[in-house]
Amino acid sequence: MTRVSRAQERMKRVEQRCAILSEVVRSVRPVYEKSDPDQAALIETMIGAAIWYVPKPVNAWTGRISIAALQAFHRDKGTAKLSEEHVYPRKVVARLLLKDESLDQRSMFVSFTEKYGRLHYITPQENKAVQTFQRVDRFTTPDEAYQKAGIVLVEVGDAEALREIKKGNRAIIERYLEQARGG
C-alpha cells in the first residue's frame, strides 16, 4: 500500500472543497442573479467565508515578499511578523465565481490553485493599508491595489530563501533588498 504524502493529502482536500464549493456557487447563482444589491452582497460574503475553509494549496506562495517585510526581518533579526496576503480578496473571488457561468468542479480547482488561492508575504501594517483598495467595489487588479497602498513586492521565489529570511539571515535579505533597488 502506497503511503500518501501530506502534500497529496492537502491537495486532495483542496480538490474536494473546491468541488463542493463550485456546486454551492452554481446552486445559489439563480438567487444571486435576482437579488437586490444588499442581498447579493450578503451572498458574496457567505461564499467568501466558505472560501476561507478551502485549505491553502501546496504551492500557494507566489514567491513574492514585500520590501517592508524584508526590511523588518533585516532590522528585527527573525522576530518580524508576516501576513499571508491573498492576491485576490475572498469577497472579490466570490463575486467572480458567482458571475462565472462556466464554473464547474475542475475549473474551480484550477482557478483556486493557480489564481485565487495564491498569496504573498507582507507586513501586518501593509495588510491593513491594502484592504482599503481590495474592497469589492474598489478592486480592479492585485497589482493596482498594492501600488495604491504603497506596497512593493520582490521576487524571492524559493522556499529555502524564505526560510533564511524568516531566520533573519542578513546576507540573504540584503541580496533581495539590493535586487529591489535595481542593483
N, C-alpha and C. Protein backbone atom coordinates (compact mmCIF):
# COMPACT_ATOMS: atom_id res chain seq x y z
N MET A 1 0.83 -1.17 0.00
CA MET A 1 0.00 0.00 0.00
C MET A 1 0.89 1.25 0.00
N THR A 2 0.61 2.16 -0.88
CA THR A 2 1.41 3.37 -1.01
C THR A 2 1.01 4.39 0.04
N ARG A 3 2.02 4.95 0.63
CA ARG A 3 1.77 6.00 1.63
C ARG A 3 1.56 7.33 0.90
N VAL A 4 0.49 8.00 1.22
CA VAL A 4 0.17 9.26 0.60
C VAL A 4 0.86 10.38 1.38
N SER A 5 1.53 11.26 0.65
CA SER A 5 2.25 12.35 1.32
C SER A 5 1.28 13.40 1.84
N ARG A 6 1.77 14.21 2.76
CA ARG A 6 0.95 15.30 3.30
C ARG A 6 0.53 16.25 2.20
N ALA A 7 1.45 16.53 1.28
CA ALA A 7 1.12 17.44 0.17
C ALA A 7 0.00 16.86 -0.69
N GLN A 8 0.06 15.56 -0.94
CA GLN A 8 -1.00 14.93 -1.73
C GLN A 8 -2.33 14.96 -0.98
N GLU A 9 -2.28 14.70 0.33
CA GLU A 9 -3.50 14.75 1.15
C GLU A 9 -4.09 16.15 1.13
N ARG A 10 -3.22 17.15 1.28
CA ARG A 10 -3.69 18.54 1.26
C ARG A 10 -4.35 18.87 -0.08
N MET A 11 -3.71 18.50 -1.16
CA MET A 11 -4.27 18.83 -2.47
C MET A 11 -5.57 18.07 -2.73
N LYS A 12 -5.69 16.88 -2.19
CA LYS A 12 -6.95 16.14 -2.31
C LYS A 12 -8.06 16.89 -1.56
N ARG A 13 -7.73 17.42 -0.37
CA ARG A 13 -8.72 18.21 0.39
C ARG A 13 -9.07 19.50 -0.36
N VAL A 14 -8.08 20.14 -0.95
CA VAL A 14 -8.35 21.35 -1.74
C VAL A 14 -9.32 21.00 -2.87
N GLU A 15 -9.04 19.91 -3.56
CA GLU A 15 -9.90 19.49 -4.67
C GLU A 15 -11.32 19.18 -4.20
N GLN A 16 -11.44 18.47 -3.08
CA GLN A 16 -12.77 18.14 -2.54
C GLN A 16 -13.53 19.40 -2.14
N ARG A 17 -12.86 20.32 -1.48
CA ARG A 17 -13.53 21.56 -1.05
C ARG A 17 -13.90 22.42 -2.26
N CYS A 18 -13.03 22.47 -3.25
CA CYS A 18 -13.36 23.22 -4.48
C CYS A 18 -14.56 22.60 -5.19
N ALA A 19 -14.64 21.28 -5.18
CA ALA A 19 -15.75 20.60 -5.84
C ALA A 19 -17.08 20.98 -5.18
N ILE A 20 -17.13 20.91 -3.87
CA ILE A 20 -18.39 21.21 -3.20
C ILE A 20 -18.70 22.70 -3.28
N LEU A 21 -17.67 23.53 -3.18
CA LEU A 21 -17.88 24.97 -3.27
C LEU A 21 -18.41 25.35 -4.66
N SER A 22 -17.90 24.72 -5.69
CA SER A 22 -18.40 25.03 -7.04
C SER A 22 -19.87 24.65 -7.16
N GLU A 23 -20.27 23.55 -6.54
CA GLU A 23 -21.67 23.14 -6.57
C GLU A 23 -22.55 24.13 -5.80
N VAL A 24 -22.06 24.61 -4.67
CA VAL A 24 -22.81 25.60 -3.89
C VAL A 24 -22.96 26.88 -4.71
N VAL A 25 -21.88 27.35 -5.30
CA VAL A 25 -21.93 28.57 -6.11
C VAL A 25 -22.92 28.42 -7.25
N ARG A 26 -22.85 27.29 -7.93
CA ARG A 26 -23.78 27.08 -9.07
C ARG A 26 -25.22 27.01 -8.60
N SER A 27 -25.46 26.42 -7.43
CA SER A 27 -26.84 26.29 -6.96
C SER A 27 -27.41 27.61 -6.45
N VAL A 28 -26.56 28.48 -5.92
CA VAL A 28 -27.05 29.74 -5.38
C VAL A 28 -27.07 30.86 -6.45
N ARG A 29 -26.43 30.62 -7.58
CA ARG A 29 -26.35 31.65 -8.63
C ARG A 29 -27.72 32.18 -9.05
N PRO A 30 -28.75 31.35 -9.26
CA PRO A 30 -30.06 31.91 -9.65
C PRO A 30 -30.62 32.89 -8.61
N VAL A 31 -30.44 32.60 -7.34
CA VAL A 31 -30.90 33.50 -6.28
C VAL A 31 -30.08 34.78 -6.32
N TYR A 32 -28.77 34.65 -6.49
CA TYR A 32 -27.85 35.79 -6.56
C TYR A 32 -28.24 36.73 -7.71
N GLU A 33 -28.51 36.14 -8.86
CA GLU A 33 -28.80 36.94 -10.05
C GLU A 33 -30.08 37.76 -9.93
N LYS A 34 -31.03 37.31 -9.13
CA LYS A 34 -32.27 38.08 -8.99
C LYS A 34 -32.34 38.88 -7.69
N SER A 35 -31.23 38.90 -6.96
CA SER A 35 -31.17 39.61 -5.68
C SER A 35 -30.93 41.10 -5.87
N ASP A 36 -31.39 41.87 -4.89
CA ASP A 36 -31.04 43.30 -4.90
C ASP A 36 -29.59 43.41 -4.43
N PRO A 37 -28.96 44.58 -4.56
CA PRO A 37 -27.54 44.72 -4.22
C PRO A 37 -27.19 44.31 -2.78
N ASP A 38 -28.06 44.60 -1.84
CA ASP A 38 -27.80 44.24 -0.45
C ASP A 38 -27.81 42.73 -0.26
N GLN A 39 -28.78 42.06 -0.85
CA GLN A 39 -28.85 40.60 -0.77
C GLN A 39 -27.67 39.95 -1.50
N ALA A 40 -27.32 40.51 -2.66
CA ALA A 40 -26.19 39.98 -3.43
C ALA A 40 -24.90 40.10 -2.61
N ALA A 41 -24.74 41.23 -1.91
CA ALA A 41 -23.55 41.43 -1.08
C ALA A 41 -23.50 40.38 0.04
N LEU A 42 -24.64 40.05 0.61
CA LEU A 42 -24.68 39.02 1.64
C LEU A 42 -24.26 37.66 1.07
N ILE A 43 -24.76 37.33 -0.10
CA ILE A 43 -24.37 36.06 -0.73
C ILE A 43 -22.88 36.04 -1.03
N GLU A 44 -22.34 37.15 -1.51
CA GLU A 44 -20.90 37.24 -1.77
C GLU A 44 -20.11 37.04 -0.47
N THR A 45 -20.60 37.61 0.62
CA THR A 45 -19.94 37.45 1.92
C THR A 45 -19.96 35.99 2.35
N MET A 46 -21.08 35.32 2.18
CA MET A 46 -21.19 33.91 2.58
C MET A 46 -20.26 33.02 1.74
N ILE A 47 -20.22 33.26 0.43
CA ILE A 47 -19.32 32.47 -0.43
C ILE A 47 -17.88 32.80 -0.08
N GLY A 48 -17.60 34.09 0.15
CA GLY A 48 -16.26 34.49 0.57
C GLY A 48 -15.83 33.81 1.86
N ALA A 49 -16.76 33.68 2.80
CA ALA A 49 -16.46 32.98 4.06
C ALA A 49 -16.18 31.51 3.80
N ALA A 50 -16.92 30.91 2.90
CA ALA A 50 -16.70 29.49 2.58
C ALA A 50 -15.32 29.28 1.97
N ILE A 51 -14.84 30.25 1.22
CA ILE A 51 -13.51 30.15 0.60
C ILE A 51 -12.44 30.01 1.69
N TRP A 52 -12.68 30.63 2.84
CA TRP A 52 -11.74 30.56 3.97
C TRP A 52 -11.48 29.10 4.38
N TYR A 53 -12.46 28.23 4.15
CA TYR A 53 -12.34 26.84 4.57
C TYR A 53 -11.74 25.92 3.52
N VAL A 54 -11.34 26.47 2.39
CA VAL A 54 -10.59 25.70 1.41
C VAL A 54 -9.12 25.79 1.85
N PRO A 55 -8.46 24.66 2.08
CA PRO A 55 -7.07 24.73 2.54
C PRO A 55 -6.18 25.45 1.53
N LYS A 56 -5.07 25.97 2.03
CA LYS A 56 -4.08 26.59 1.15
C LYS A 56 -3.53 25.52 0.22
N PRO A 57 -3.44 25.81 -1.07
CA PRO A 57 -2.79 24.86 -1.96
C PRO A 57 -1.32 24.69 -1.57
N VAL A 58 -0.74 23.58 -1.95
CA VAL A 58 0.65 23.29 -1.61
C VAL A 58 1.57 24.41 -2.08
N ASN A 59 1.39 24.88 -3.26
CA ASN A 59 2.24 25.94 -3.81
C ASN A 59 1.51 27.28 -3.81
N ALA A 60 0.92 27.64 -2.68
CA ALA A 60 0.13 28.87 -2.60
C ALA A 60 1.00 30.13 -2.71
N TRP A 61 2.20 30.07 -2.17
CA TRP A 61 3.06 31.25 -2.17
C TRP A 61 3.51 31.59 -3.59
N THR A 62 3.35 32.84 -3.96
CA THR A 62 3.72 33.31 -5.30
C THR A 62 5.22 33.46 -5.47
N GLY A 63 5.95 33.43 -4.36
CA GLY A 63 7.39 33.67 -4.42
C GLY A 63 7.74 35.13 -4.16
N ARG A 64 6.71 35.92 -3.84
CA ARG A 64 6.94 37.36 -3.65
C ARG A 64 6.74 37.77 -2.19
N ILE A 65 7.56 38.73 -1.76
CA ILE A 65 7.52 39.28 -0.41
C ILE A 65 7.72 40.79 -0.54
N SER A 66 7.14 41.54 0.36
CA SER A 66 7.28 42.99 0.25
C SER A 66 8.65 43.46 0.75
N ILE A 67 9.08 44.60 0.21
CA ILE A 67 10.33 45.20 0.66
C ILE A 67 10.24 45.53 2.15
N ALA A 68 9.09 46.04 2.58
CA ALA A 68 8.92 46.36 4.00
C ALA A 68 9.08 45.12 4.88
N ALA A 69 8.60 43.98 4.42
CA ALA A 69 8.76 42.74 5.19
C ALA A 69 10.24 42.35 5.24
N LEU A 70 10.93 42.48 4.12
CA LEU A 70 12.37 42.19 4.12
C LEU A 70 13.10 43.12 5.09
N GLN A 71 12.77 44.40 5.05
CA GLN A 71 13.41 45.37 5.94
C GLN A 71 13.11 45.06 7.41
N ALA A 72 11.89 44.62 7.69
CA ALA A 72 11.52 44.28 9.06
C ALA A 72 12.35 43.10 9.57
N PHE A 73 12.55 42.09 8.73
CA PHE A 73 13.36 40.95 9.14
C PHE A 73 14.83 41.34 9.27
N HIS A 74 15.29 42.24 8.43
CA HIS A 74 16.66 42.71 8.49
C HIS A 74 16.89 43.45 9.81
N ARG A 75 15.94 44.29 10.17
CA ARG A 75 16.03 45.13 11.37
C ARG A 75 15.82 44.29 12.64
N ASP A 76 14.84 43.40 12.61
CA ASP A 76 14.44 42.68 13.82
C ASP A 76 14.95 41.24 13.89
N LYS A 77 15.86 40.89 13.02
CA LYS A 77 16.55 39.59 13.00
C LYS A 77 15.68 38.40 13.40
N GLY A 78 14.73 38.09 12.54
CA GLY A 78 13.95 36.88 12.72
C GLY A 78 12.73 36.99 13.63
N THR A 79 12.47 38.18 14.17
CA THR A 79 11.31 38.31 15.05
C THR A 79 10.17 39.09 14.40
N ALA A 80 10.38 39.55 13.20
CA ALA A 80 9.33 40.31 12.50
C ALA A 80 8.14 39.40 12.21
N LYS A 81 7.00 40.02 12.01
CA LYS A 81 5.77 39.28 11.70
C LYS A 81 5.44 39.44 10.22
N LEU A 82 4.92 38.38 9.64
CA LEU A 82 4.45 38.40 8.26
C LEU A 82 2.96 38.15 8.23
N SER A 83 2.32 38.73 7.24
CA SER A 83 0.91 38.42 6.95
C SER A 83 0.87 37.69 5.61
N GLU A 84 0.08 36.64 5.57
CA GLU A 84 -0.16 35.96 4.31
C GLU A 84 -1.25 36.76 3.60
N GLU A 85 -0.88 37.44 2.57
CA GLU A 85 -1.79 38.32 1.85
C GLU A 85 -2.29 37.60 0.60
N HIS A 86 -3.57 37.31 0.58
CA HIS A 86 -4.14 36.65 -0.60
C HIS A 86 -4.17 37.63 -1.76
N VAL A 87 -3.69 37.20 -2.89
CA VAL A 87 -3.59 38.05 -4.08
C VAL A 87 -4.97 38.59 -4.45
N TYR A 88 -5.98 37.75 -4.34
CA TYR A 88 -7.36 38.14 -4.61
C TYR A 88 -8.17 38.05 -3.33
N PRO A 89 -8.80 39.14 -2.91
CA PRO A 89 -9.63 39.10 -1.70
C PRO A 89 -10.80 38.13 -1.87
N ARG A 90 -11.19 37.48 -0.77
CA ARG A 90 -12.23 36.45 -0.83
C ARG A 90 -13.55 36.95 -1.38
N LYS A 91 -13.98 38.14 -0.99
CA LYS A 91 -15.27 38.64 -1.45
C LYS A 91 -15.22 38.95 -2.95
N VAL A 92 -14.07 39.42 -3.43
CA VAL A 92 -13.88 39.64 -4.87
C VAL A 92 -13.95 38.30 -5.59
N VAL A 93 -13.29 37.30 -5.04
CA VAL A 93 -13.31 35.96 -5.64
C VAL A 93 -14.75 35.44 -5.68
N ALA A 94 -15.47 35.63 -4.59
CA ALA A 94 -16.86 35.18 -4.55
C ALA A 94 -17.67 35.80 -5.68
N ARG A 95 -17.53 37.09 -5.87
CA ARG A 95 -18.27 37.76 -6.95
C ARG A 95 -17.87 37.21 -8.31
N LEU A 96 -16.59 37.01 -8.53
CA LEU A 96 -16.12 36.47 -9.81
C LEU A 96 -16.67 35.06 -10.05
N LEU A 97 -16.67 34.24 -9.01
CA LEU A 97 -17.19 32.88 -9.14
C LEU A 97 -18.69 32.88 -9.41
N LEU A 98 -19.42 33.74 -8.71
CA LEU A 98 -20.87 33.81 -8.90
C LEU A 98 -21.24 34.28 -10.31
N LYS A 99 -20.37 35.02 -10.94
CA LYS A 99 -20.65 35.52 -12.29
C LYS A 99 -20.08 34.62 -13.39
N ASP A 100 -19.33 33.60 -13.00
CA ASP A 100 -18.70 32.70 -13.97
C ASP A 100 -19.67 31.58 -14.35
N GLU A 101 -20.34 31.74 -15.46
CA GLU A 101 -21.34 30.76 -15.92
C GLU A 101 -20.72 29.40 -16.27
N SER A 102 -19.43 29.39 -16.58
CA SER A 102 -18.79 28.13 -16.97
C SER A 102 -18.16 27.39 -15.78
N LEU A 103 -18.36 27.91 -14.58
CA LEU A 103 -17.75 27.30 -13.40
C LEU A 103 -18.20 25.86 -13.22
N ASP A 104 -17.24 24.99 -13.02
CA ASP A 104 -17.51 23.60 -12.66
C ASP A 104 -16.44 23.17 -11.66
N GLN A 105 -16.49 21.93 -11.24
CA GLN A 105 -15.56 21.47 -10.22
C GLN A 105 -14.11 21.62 -10.65
N ARG A 106 -13.83 21.23 -11.86
CA ARG A 106 -12.43 21.29 -12.36
C ARG A 106 -11.95 22.73 -12.49
N SER A 107 -12.77 23.59 -13.09
CA SER A 107 -12.33 24.98 -13.27
C SER A 107 -12.18 25.69 -11.94
N MET A 108 -13.01 25.33 -10.97
CA MET A 108 -12.88 25.91 -9.64
C MET A 108 -11.54 25.51 -9.02
N PHE A 109 -11.19 24.24 -9.13
CA PHE A 109 -9.92 23.75 -8.58
C PHE A 109 -8.74 24.45 -9.26
N VAL A 110 -8.77 24.54 -10.56
CA VAL A 110 -7.68 25.18 -11.30
C VAL A 110 -7.60 26.67 -10.95
N SER A 111 -8.74 27.34 -10.94
CA SER A 111 -8.75 28.77 -10.59
C SER A 111 -8.23 29.01 -9.18
N PHE A 112 -8.62 28.16 -8.25
CA PHE A 112 -8.19 28.34 -6.87
C PHE A 112 -6.70 28.09 -6.71
N THR A 113 -6.21 27.00 -7.29
CA THR A 113 -4.80 26.66 -7.10
C THR A 113 -3.86 27.55 -7.89
N GLU A 114 -4.31 28.08 -9.00
CA GLU A 114 -3.43 28.88 -9.85
C GLU A 114 -3.62 30.39 -9.70
N LYS A 115 -4.74 30.81 -9.09
CA LYS A 115 -5.01 32.24 -9.05
C LYS A 115 -5.57 32.69 -7.70
N TYR A 116 -6.75 32.24 -7.36
CA TYR A 116 -7.46 32.77 -6.20
C TYR A 116 -6.91 32.32 -4.85
N GLY A 117 -6.23 31.22 -4.79
CA GLY A 117 -5.68 30.71 -3.54
C GLY A 117 -4.22 31.07 -3.32
N ARG A 118 -3.67 31.92 -4.17
CA ARG A 118 -2.25 32.29 -4.08
C ARG A 118 -2.05 33.42 -3.07
N LEU A 119 -0.85 33.52 -2.53
CA LEU A 119 -0.58 34.56 -1.54
C LEU A 119 0.84 35.08 -1.63
N HIS A 120 1.01 36.32 -1.15
CA HIS A 120 2.31 36.98 -0.98
C HIS A 120 2.53 37.14 0.51
N TYR A 121 3.74 37.50 0.89
CA TYR A 121 4.01 37.84 2.28
C TYR A 121 4.27 39.34 2.39
N ILE A 122 3.56 39.98 3.30
CA ILE A 122 3.71 41.41 3.55
C ILE A 122 3.66 41.63 5.06
N THR A 123 3.86 42.87 5.50
CA THR A 123 3.79 43.16 6.93
C THR A 123 2.32 43.32 7.35
N PRO A 124 2.03 43.14 8.64
CA PRO A 124 0.66 43.38 9.11
C PRO A 124 0.18 44.81 8.81
N GLN A 125 1.07 45.78 8.89
CA GLN A 125 0.70 47.17 8.60
C GLN A 125 0.32 47.32 7.12
N GLU A 126 1.07 46.68 6.24
CA GLU A 126 0.75 46.72 4.82
C GLU A 126 -0.58 46.03 4.55
N ASN A 127 -0.83 44.95 5.28
CA ASN A 127 -2.08 44.22 5.11
C ASN A 127 -3.26 45.15 5.40
N LYS A 128 -3.16 45.92 6.46
CA LYS A 128 -4.22 46.89 6.79
C LYS A 128 -4.34 47.95 5.71
N ALA A 129 -3.20 48.44 5.22
CA ALA A 129 -3.20 49.51 4.21
C ALA A 129 -3.84 49.06 2.90
N VAL A 130 -3.60 47.83 2.48
CA VAL A 130 -4.10 47.36 1.18
C VAL A 130 -5.59 47.02 1.22
N GLN A 131 -6.11 46.73 2.39
CA GLN A 131 -7.53 46.34 2.49
C GLN A 131 -8.47 47.38 1.91
N THR A 132 -8.15 48.64 2.07
CA THR A 132 -8.97 49.72 1.51
C THR A 132 -9.14 49.55 0.00
N PHE A 133 -8.09 49.11 -0.66
CA PHE A 133 -8.09 49.01 -2.12
C PHE A 133 -8.54 47.63 -2.61
N GLN A 134 -8.88 46.75 -1.66
CA GLN A 134 -9.34 45.41 -2.02
C GLN A 134 -10.83 45.23 -1.79
N ARG A 135 -11.49 46.29 -1.41
CA ARG A 135 -12.94 46.20 -1.24
C ARG A 135 -13.57 45.89 -2.61
N VAL A 136 -14.60 45.12 -2.58
CA VAL A 136 -15.20 44.60 -3.81
C VAL A 136 -15.61 45.73 -4.77
N ASP A 137 -16.01 46.87 -4.23
CA ASP A 137 -16.44 47.99 -5.09
C ASP A 137 -15.28 48.83 -5.60
N ARG A 138 -14.06 48.62 -5.07
CA ARG A 138 -12.90 49.41 -5.48
C ARG A 138 -11.83 48.58 -6.18
N PHE A 139 -11.87 47.28 -6.00
CA PHE A 139 -10.80 46.41 -6.51
C PHE A 139 -10.82 46.34 -8.03
N THR A 140 -9.64 46.51 -8.63
CA THR A 140 -9.50 46.34 -10.07
C THR A 140 -8.54 45.19 -10.36
N THR A 141 -7.29 45.34 -9.91
CA THR A 141 -6.31 44.27 -10.06
C THR A 141 -5.45 44.20 -8.80
N PRO A 142 -4.85 43.05 -8.54
CA PRO A 142 -3.97 42.96 -7.37
C PRO A 142 -2.83 43.98 -7.44
N ASP A 143 -2.18 44.08 -8.59
CA ASP A 143 -1.04 45.00 -8.71
C ASP A 143 -1.44 46.44 -8.44
N GLU A 144 -2.61 46.84 -8.92
CA GLU A 144 -3.07 48.21 -8.67
C GLU A 144 -3.34 48.43 -7.19
N ALA A 145 -3.93 47.46 -6.53
CA ALA A 145 -4.20 47.59 -5.09
C ALA A 145 -2.90 47.76 -4.32
N TYR A 146 -1.88 46.95 -4.65
CA TYR A 146 -0.59 47.05 -3.96
C TYR A 146 0.07 48.39 -4.25
N GLN A 147 0.00 48.83 -5.50
CA GLN A 147 0.60 50.11 -5.86
C GLN A 147 -0.06 51.25 -5.08
N LYS A 148 -1.38 51.28 -5.05
CA LYS A 148 -2.10 52.33 -4.33
C LYS A 148 -1.78 52.32 -2.83
N ALA A 149 -1.53 51.13 -2.28
CA ALA A 149 -1.20 51.02 -0.86
C ALA A 149 0.29 51.26 -0.59
N GLY A 150 1.06 51.46 -1.66
CA GLY A 150 2.49 51.71 -1.50
C GLY A 150 3.31 50.47 -1.20
N ILE A 151 2.79 49.32 -1.58
CA ILE A 151 3.49 48.05 -1.33
C ILE A 151 4.27 47.65 -2.57
N VAL A 152 5.57 47.39 -2.35
CA VAL A 152 6.44 46.94 -3.44
C VAL A 152 6.84 45.51 -3.12
N LEU A 153 6.57 44.62 -4.05
CA LEU A 153 6.88 43.21 -3.87
C LEU A 153 8.16 42.85 -4.62
N VAL A 154 8.93 41.95 -4.01
CA VAL A 154 10.18 41.47 -4.59
C VAL A 154 10.04 39.98 -4.83
N GLU A 155 10.56 39.52 -5.95
CA GLU A 155 10.53 38.10 -6.27
C GLU A 155 11.65 37.39 -5.52
N VAL A 156 11.28 36.50 -4.60
CA VAL A 156 12.25 35.69 -3.88
C VAL A 156 12.25 34.30 -4.50
N GLY A 157 11.07 33.75 -4.66
CA GLY A 157 10.90 32.56 -5.46
C GLY A 157 11.12 31.20 -4.83
N ASP A 158 12.05 31.08 -3.90
CA ASP A 158 12.21 29.72 -3.39
C ASP A 158 12.03 29.65 -1.88
N ALA A 159 11.49 28.54 -1.44
CA ALA A 159 11.12 28.35 -0.04
C ALA A 159 12.33 28.39 0.88
N GLU A 160 13.47 27.93 0.41
CA GLU A 160 14.68 27.94 1.25
C GLU A 160 15.11 29.39 1.53
N ALA A 161 15.06 30.26 0.53
CA ALA A 161 15.39 31.67 0.74
C ALA A 161 14.40 32.30 1.73
N LEU A 162 13.13 31.94 1.63
CA LEU A 162 12.13 32.47 2.56
C LEU A 162 12.44 32.01 3.99
N ARG A 163 12.82 30.76 4.16
CA ARG A 163 13.19 30.27 5.50
C ARG A 163 14.35 31.07 6.07
N GLU A 164 15.33 31.36 5.22
CA GLU A 164 16.50 32.14 5.67
C GLU A 164 16.10 33.57 6.00
N ILE A 165 15.20 34.15 5.23
CA ILE A 165 14.70 35.50 5.52
C ILE A 165 14.01 35.49 6.87
N LYS A 166 13.16 34.50 7.11
CA LYS A 166 12.43 34.41 8.39
C LYS A 166 13.38 34.22 9.58
N LYS A 167 14.54 33.60 9.35
CA LYS A 167 15.54 33.44 10.40
C LYS A 167 16.33 34.73 10.62
N GLY A 168 16.17 35.69 9.71
CA GLY A 168 16.89 36.96 9.83
C GLY A 168 18.27 36.92 9.19
N ASN A 169 18.50 36.02 8.22
CA ASN A 169 19.79 35.92 7.54
C ASN A 169 20.05 37.21 6.75
N ARG A 170 20.91 38.06 7.31
CA ARG A 170 21.15 39.39 6.74
C ARG A 170 21.70 39.34 5.32
N ALA A 171 22.57 38.40 5.03
CA ALA A 171 23.16 38.32 3.69
C ALA A 171 22.07 38.05 2.64
N ILE A 172 21.19 37.13 2.93
CA ILE A 172 20.09 36.81 2.01
C ILE A 172 19.16 38.01 1.88
N ILE A 173 18.80 38.60 3.00
CA ILE A 173 17.89 39.75 2.99
C ILE A 173 18.51 40.90 2.20
N GLU A 174 19.76 41.19 2.45
CA GLU A 174 20.45 42.28 1.73
C GLU A 174 20.50 42.01 0.23
N ARG A 175 20.68 40.75 -0.14
CA ARG A 175 20.71 40.41 -1.56
C ARG A 175 19.39 40.78 -2.23
N TYR A 176 18.27 40.47 -1.59
CA TYR A 176 16.97 40.78 -2.18
C TYR A 176 16.64 42.27 -2.10
N LEU A 177 17.10 42.93 -1.04
CA LEU A 177 16.89 44.38 -0.97
C LEU A 177 17.69 45.08 -2.05
N GLU A 178 18.91 44.63 -2.28
CA GLU A 178 19.73 45.20 -3.36
C GLU A 178 19.08 44.95 -4.72
N GLN A 179 18.57 43.77 -4.91
CA GLN A 179 17.86 43.44 -6.15
C GLN A 179 16.68 44.38 -6.36
N ALA A 180 15.98 44.69 -5.28
CA ALA A 180 14.82 45.59 -5.37
C ALA A 180 15.23 47.01 -5.73
N ARG A 181 16.44 47.40 -5.29
CA ARG A 181 16.94 48.73 -5.61
C ARG A 181 17.47 48.80 -7.04
N GLY A 182 17.48 47.64 -7.72
CA GLY A 182 17.95 47.60 -9.11
C GLY A 182 19.43 47.29 -9.24
N GLY A 183 20.00 46.78 -8.17
CA GLY A 183 21.44 46.50 -8.16
C GLY A 183 21.78 45.12 -8.54
